[in-house]
C-alpha atoms as a PDB file:
ATOM      1  CA  MET A   1     -15.207  18.145  -6.781  1.00  0.00           C
ATOM      2  CA  PRO A   2     -14.667  18.793 -10.488  1.00  0.00           C
ATOM      3  CA  GLY A   3     -12.511  21.831 -11.051  1.00  0.00           C
ATOM      4  CA  HIS A   4     -11.178  21.731  -7.505  1.00  0.00           C
ATOM      5  CA  TYR A   5      -7.619  21.166  -8.729  1.00  0.00           C
ATOM      6  CA  ASP A   6      -7.714  23.627 -11.648  1.00  0.00           C
ATOM      7  CA  HIS A   7      -5.057  25.744  -9.913  1.00  0.00           C
ATOM      8  CA  ARG A   8      -2.636  22.807 -10.239  1.00  0.00           C
ATOM      9  CA  SER A   9      -3.330  22.444 -13.970  1.00  0.00           C
ATOM     10  CA  ASP A  10      -2.742  26.150 -14.319  1.00  0.00           C
ATOM     11  CA  LEU A  11       0.495  25.642 -12.410  1.00  0.00           C
ATOM     12  CA  CYS A  12       1.567  23.013 -14.956  1.00  0.00           C
ATOM     13  CA  ARG A  13       1.058  25.462 -17.820  1.00  0.00           C
ATOM     14  CA  ARG A  14       3.006  28.215 -16.092  1.00  0.00           C
ATOM     15  CA  LEU A  15       5.900  26.059 -14.908  1.00  0.00           C
ATOM     16  CA  GLY A  16       8.542  24.781 -17.266  1.00  0.00           C
ATOM     17  CA  ALA A  17       9.934  21.247 -17.251  1.00  0.00           C
ATOM     18  CA  ASP A  18      12.674  22.251 -14.793  1.00  0.00           C
ATOM     19  CA  SER A  19      10.206  23.627 -12.247  1.00  0.00           C
ATOM     20  CA  LEU A  20       7.900  20.616 -12.585  1.00  0.00           C
ATOM     21  CA  GLN A  21      10.701  18.490 -11.119  1.00  0.00           C
ATOM     22  CA  LYS A  22      10.001  20.269  -7.822  1.00  0.00           C
ATOM     23  CA  VAL A  23       6.310  19.313  -7.768  1.00  0.00           C
ATOM     24  CA  PRO A  24       6.110  16.093  -5.642  1.00  0.00           C
ATOM     25  CA  GLU A  25       3.245  14.645  -7.684  1.00  0.00           C
ATOM     26  CA  TYR A  26       5.309  15.046 -10.843  1.00  0.00           C
ATOM     27  CA  LEU A  27       8.008  12.736  -9.472  1.00  0.00           C
ATOM     28  CA  VAL A  28       5.320  10.202  -8.485  1.00  0.00           C
ATOM     29  CA  TRP A  29       3.964  10.371 -12.061  1.00  0.00           C
ATOM     30  CA  ILE A  30       7.443   9.899 -13.605  1.00  0.00           C
ATOM     31  CA  ARG A  31       8.271   6.939 -11.330  1.00  0.00           C
ATOM     32  CA  MET A  32       4.881   5.306 -11.936  1.00  0.00           C
ATOM     33  CA  ARG A  33       5.413   5.483 -15.701  1.00  0.00           C
ATOM     34  CA  ASN A  34       8.971   4.142 -15.381  1.00  0.00           C
ATOM     35  CA  ARG A  35       7.865   1.153 -13.253  1.00  0.00           C
ATOM     36  CA  CYS A  36       5.305   0.193 -15.854  1.00  0.00           C
ATOM     37  CA  SER A  37       7.548   0.567 -18.891  1.00  0.00           C
ATOM     38  CA  ASP A  38      10.495  -1.531 -17.687  1.00  0.00           C
ATOM     39  CA  PRO A  39       9.863  -5.268 -18.281  1.00  0.00           C
ATOM     40  CA  GLU A  40      12.607  -6.050 -15.734  1.00  0.00           C
ATOM     41  CA  ARG A  41      10.308  -4.686 -13.016  1.00  0.00           C
ATOM     42  CA  LYS A  42       8.672  -8.043 -12.243  1.00  0.00           C
ATOM     43  CA  ARG A  43       6.007  -6.621  -9.912  1.00  0.00           C
ATOM     44  CA  TYR A  44       4.864  -4.017 -12.427  1.00  0.00           C
ATOM     45  CA  ALA A  45       5.521  -4.214 -16.176  1.00  0.00           C
ATOM     46  CA  GLY A  46       6.622  -7.830 -15.772  1.00  0.00           C
ATOM     47  CA  ARG A  47       3.116  -8.633 -14.469  1.00  0.00           C
ATOM     48  CA  GLY A  48       1.389  -6.609 -17.165  1.00  0.00           C
ATOM     49  CA  ILE A  49       0.605  -3.604 -14.938  1.00  0.00           C
ATOM     50  CA  SER A  50       0.307  -0.494 -17.095  1.00  0.00           C
ATOM     51  CA  VAL A  51      -0.620   3.180 -16.918  1.00  0.00           C
ATOM     52  CA  CYS A  52      -3.856   4.245 -18.621  1.00  0.00           C
ATOM     53  CA  ALA A  53      -3.430   6.242 -21.846  1.00  0.00           C
ATOM     54  CA  ARG A  54      -4.824   9.407 -20.247  1.00  0.00           C
ATOM     55  CA  TRP A  55      -2.176   9.413 -17.524  1.00  0.00           C
ATOM     56  CA  GLN A  56       0.611   8.036 -19.692  1.00  0.00           C
ATOM     57  CA  SER A  57       0.476  11.046 -21.971  1.00  0.00           C
ATOM     58  CA  SER A  58      -0.387  13.843 -19.535  1.00  0.00           C
ATOM     59  CA  PHE A  59       0.832  14.858 -16.099  1.00  0.00           C
ATOM     60  CA  GLU A  60      -2.016  17.386 -15.994  1.00  0.00           C
ATOM     61  CA  ALA A  61      -4.593  14.612 -16.446  1.00  0.00           C
ATOM     62  CA  PHE A  62      -2.915  12.562 -13.697  1.00  0.00           C
ATOM     63  CA  LEU A  63      -2.947  15.533 -11.330  1.00  0.00           C
ATOM     64  CA  ASP A  64      -6.535  16.466 -12.190  1.00  0.00           C
ATOM     65  CA  ASP A  65      -7.695  12.910 -11.428  1.00  0.00           C
ATOM     66  CA  MET A  66      -5.576  12.237  -8.339  1.00  0.00           C
ATOM     67  CA  GLY A  67      -5.382  15.707  -6.826  1.00  0.00           C
ATOM     68  CA  PRO A  68      -2.474  16.820  -4.661  1.00  0.00           C
ATOM     69  CA  ARG A  69      -0.773  14.401  -2.315  1.00  0.00           C
ATOM     70  CA  PRO A  70      -2.307  14.902   1.161  1.00  0.00           C
ATOM     71  CA  SER A  71       1.112  14.728   2.854  1.00  0.00           C
ATOM     72  CA  GLN A  72       4.695  13.625   2.252  1.00  0.00           C
ATOM     73  CA  ARG A  73       3.835  10.274   3.858  1.00  0.00           C
ATOM     74  CA  HIS A  74       1.295   9.498   1.123  1.00  0.00           C
ATOM     75  CA  SER A  75       2.246   7.706  -2.069  1.00  0.00           C
ATOM     76  CA  ILE A  76       0.244   6.306  -4.949  1.00  0.00           C
ATOM     77  CA  ASP A  77      -1.498   3.000  -4.283  1.00  0.00           C
ATOM     78  CA  ARG A  78      -3.495   0.725  -6.570  1.00  0.00           C
ATOM     79  CA  ILE A  79      -6.685  -0.380  -4.814  1.00  0.00           C
ATOM     80  CA  ASP A  80      -6.780  -3.589  -6.861  1.00  0.00           C
ATOM     81  CA  ASN A  81      -3.153  -4.676  -6.735  1.00  0.00           C
ATOM     82  CA  ASN A  82      -3.613  -6.632  -9.968  1.00  0.00           C
ATOM     83  CA  GLY A  83      -5.179  -3.654 -11.742  1.00  0.00           C
ATOM     84  CA  ASN A  84      -3.572  -0.862 -13.714  1.00  0.00           C
ATOM     85  CA  TYR A  85      -2.732   2.690 -12.761  1.00  0.00           C
ATOM     86  CA  GLU A  86      -5.943   4.444 -13.774  1.00  0.00           C
ATOM     87  CA  PRO A  87      -8.664   6.660 -12.304  1.00  0.00           C
ATOM     88  CA  GLY A  88     -10.865   4.662  -9.975  1.00  0.00           C
ATOM     89  CA  ASN A  89      -8.098   2.190  -9.100  1.00  0.00           C
ATOM     90  CA  CYS A  90      -5.610   4.613  -7.525  1.00  0.00           C
ATOM     91  CA  ARG A  91      -5.514   6.611  -4.327  1.00  0.00           C
ATOM     92  CA  TRP A  92      -3.018   8.396  -2.122  1.00  0.00           C
ATOM     93  CA  ALA A  93      -2.222   6.083   0.807  1.00  0.00           C
ATOM     94  CA  VAL A  94       0.051   6.035   3.850  1.00  0.00           C
ATOM     95  CA  PRO A  95       2.557   3.171   4.286  1.00  0.00           C
ATOM     96  CA  VAL A  96       0.421   1.056   6.646  1.00  0.00           C
ATOM     97  CA  VAL A  97      -2.456   1.046   4.131  1.00  0.00           C
ATOM     98  CA  GLN A  98      -0.093   0.125   1.310  1.00  0.00           C
ATOM     99  CA  ALA A  99       1.496  -2.637   3.374  1.00  0.00           C
ATOM    100  CA  ASN A 100      -1.918  -4.252   3.697  1.00  0.00           C
ATOM    101  CA  ASN A 101      -2.431  -4.062  -0.051  1.00  0.00           C
ATOM    102  CA  LYS A 102       0.650  -6.043  -1.135  1.00  0.00           C
ATOM    103  CA  SER A 103       0.240  -9.130  -3.279  1.00  0.00           C
ATOM    104  CA  SER A 104       2.593 -10.988  -0.908  1.00  0.00           C
ATOM    105  CA  ASN A 105       0.318 -10.453   2.124  1.00  0.00           C
ATOM    106  CA  HIS A 106      -1.120 -13.474   3.854  1.00  0.00           C
ATOM    107  CA  LEU A 107      -4.868 -12.875   4.076  1.00  0.00           C
ATOM    108  CA  VAL A 108      -7.023 -14.539   6.727  1.00  0.00           C
ATOM    109  CA  THR A 109     -10.684 -14.396   7.652  1.00  0.00           C
ATOM    110  CA  TYR A 110     -11.111 -13.191  11.202  1.00  0.00           C
ATOM    111  CA  ARG A 111     -14.486 -12.333  12.743  1.00  0.00           C
ATOM    112  CA  GLY A 112     -16.072 -12.775   9.332  1.00  0.00           C
ATOM    113  CA  GLU A 113     -13.839 -10.237   7.614  1.00  0.00           C
ATOM    114  CA  GLU A 114     -10.916 -10.834   5.245  1.00  0.00           C
ATOM    115  CA  MET A 115      -7.797  -8.975   6.395  1.00  0.00           C
ATOM    116  CA  SER A 116      -4.028  -9.227   6.500  1.00  0.00           C
ATOM    117  CA  LEU A 117      -2.499 -11.402   9.186  1.00  0.00           C
ATOM    118  CA  ARG A 118      -1.052  -8.285  10.846  1.00  0.00           C
ATOM    119  CA  ASP A 119      -4.493  -6.644  10.965  1.00  0.00           C
ATOM    120  CA  ALA A 120      -5.999  -9.786  12.516  1.00  0.00           C
ATOM    121  CA  VAL A 121      -3.330  -9.708  15.246  1.00  0.00           C
ATOM    122  CA  ARG A 122      -4.118  -6.015  15.871  1.00  0.00           C
ATOM    123  CA  ALA A 123      -7.883  -6.670  15.900  1.00  0.00           C
ATOM    124  CA  ALA A 124      -7.386  -9.349  18.554  1.00  0.00           C
ATOM    125  CA  GLY A 125      -5.550  -6.853  20.756  1.00  0.00           C
ATOM    126  CA  ASP A 126      -1.937  -7.802  19.977  1.00  0.00           C
ATOM    127  CA  VAL A 127      -2.033 -10.568  22.603  1.00  0.00           C
ATOM    128  CA  VAL A 128       0.540 -12.519  20.602  1.00  0.00           C
ATOM    129  CA  GLY A 129       3.148 -11.696  17.977  1.00  0.00           C
ATOM    130  CA  LYS A 130       2.651 -12.155  14.241  1.00  0.00           C
ATOM    131  CA  ALA A 131       5.442 -14.751  14.038  1.00  0.00           C
ATOM    132  CA  THR A 132       3.768 -16.889  16.701  1.00  0.00           C
ATOM    133  CA  VAL A 133       0.425 -16.626  14.917  1.00  0.00           C
ATOM    134  CA  TRP A 134       2.095 -17.624  11.645  1.00  0.00           C
ATOM    135  CA  ARG A 135       3.625 -20.731  13.258  1.00  0.00           C
ATOM    136  CA  ARG A 136       0.275 -21.634  14.768  1.00  0.00           C
ATOM    137  CA  LEU A 137      -1.458 -21.329  11.405  1.00  0.00           C
ATOM    138  CA  LEU A 138       1.195 -23.557   9.855  1.00  0.00           C
ATOM    139  CA  ARG A 139       0.191 -26.138  12.504  1.00  0.00           C
ATOM    140  CA  ASP A 140      -3.461 -25.817  11.415  1.00  0.00           C
ATOM    141  CA  TRP A 141      -4.744 -23.743  14.328  1.00  0.00           C
ATOM    142  CA  PRO A 142      -8.045 -21.969  13.571  1.00  0.00           C
ATOM    143  CA  VAL A 143      -7.407 -18.262  12.905  1.00  0.00           C
ATOM    144  CA  HIS A 144      -9.408 -17.011  15.895  1.00  0.00           C
ATOM    145  CA  LYS A 145      -7.470 -19.251  18.318  1.00  0.00           C
ATOM    146  CA  ALA A 146      -4.125 -18.417  16.705  1.00  0.00           C
ATOM    147  CA  VAL A 147      -4.580 -14.657  17.220  1.00  0.00           C
ATOM    148  CA  GLU A 148      -6.495 -14.687  20.518  1.00  0.00           C
ATOM    149  CA  THR A 149      -4.542 -17.250  22.560  1.00  0.00           C
ATOM    150  CA  PRO A 150      -1.748 -15.578  24.537  1.00  0.00           C
ATOM    151  CA  ALA A 151       1.708 -17.011  24.043  1.00  0.00           C
ATOM    152  CA  ASN A 152       3.062 -19.494  26.567  1.00  0.00           C
ATOM    153  CA  PRO A 153       5.333 -17.483  28.909  1.00  0.00           C
ATOM    154  CA  LYS A 154       7.726 -20.457  29.122  1.00  0.00           C
ATOM    155  CA  CYS A 155       8.196 -20.501  25.362  1.00  0.00           C
ATOM    156  CA  ARG A 156      11.477 -19.097  24.052  1.00  0.00           C
ATOM    157  CA  ASN A 157       9.699 -17.109  21.317  1.00  0.00           C
ATOM    158  CA  HIS A 158       7.332 -15.498  23.833  1.00  0.00           C
ATOM    159  CA  ARG A 159      10.279 -14.091  25.778  1.00  0.00           C
ATOM    160  CA  PHE A 160      11.609 -12.581  22.549  1.00  0.00           C
ATOM    161  CA  GLU A 161       8.196 -10.999  21.818  1.00  0.00           C
ATOM    162  CA  VAL A 162       8.030  -9.468  25.317  1.00  0.00           C
ATOM    163  CA  ARG A 163      11.497  -7.933  24.867  1.00  0.00           C
ATOM    164  CA  ARG A 164      10.574  -6.645  21.404  1.00  0.00           C
ATOM    165  CA  LYS A 165       7.352  -4.982  22.652  1.00  0.00           C
ATOM    166  CA  ALA A 166       9.223  -3.331  25.528  1.00  0.00           C
ATOM    167  CA  ALA A 167      11.768  -1.785  23.150  1.00  0.00           C
END
């Protein structure tokens, strides 16, 4: 949809720097640039993650490429977590999508598909808690058995999971 966001670019020209502070995407752009310019930020600049030159120098270019944020729940997400902030590698995503895209996630192959451990538990119908599945995997259970086998009702951890689900 080229040109679809032209009204936002026009907005940038009409608004001064003070008014831009009120545009939610502007704050996302500022924070993204700050994360990638501070070498103390180990998960960003400290890992070599950078902002492409087009976005680094122009909020308008960032907004033209990304478009408006679909809702307040959405934030910027890098599709390839090891890639840079650039067109084609960024999207607006809700927290659950971003949580599955973290470099610290434990990925498993379940039913022939690579997914986060939490997604595998969900796909199996939440018959057992993630902590139980994790312990089972540490004891070399196959993934499908770890997520599909209900917890032993006599087990102390199972009772905790039942209480947690009821809350």
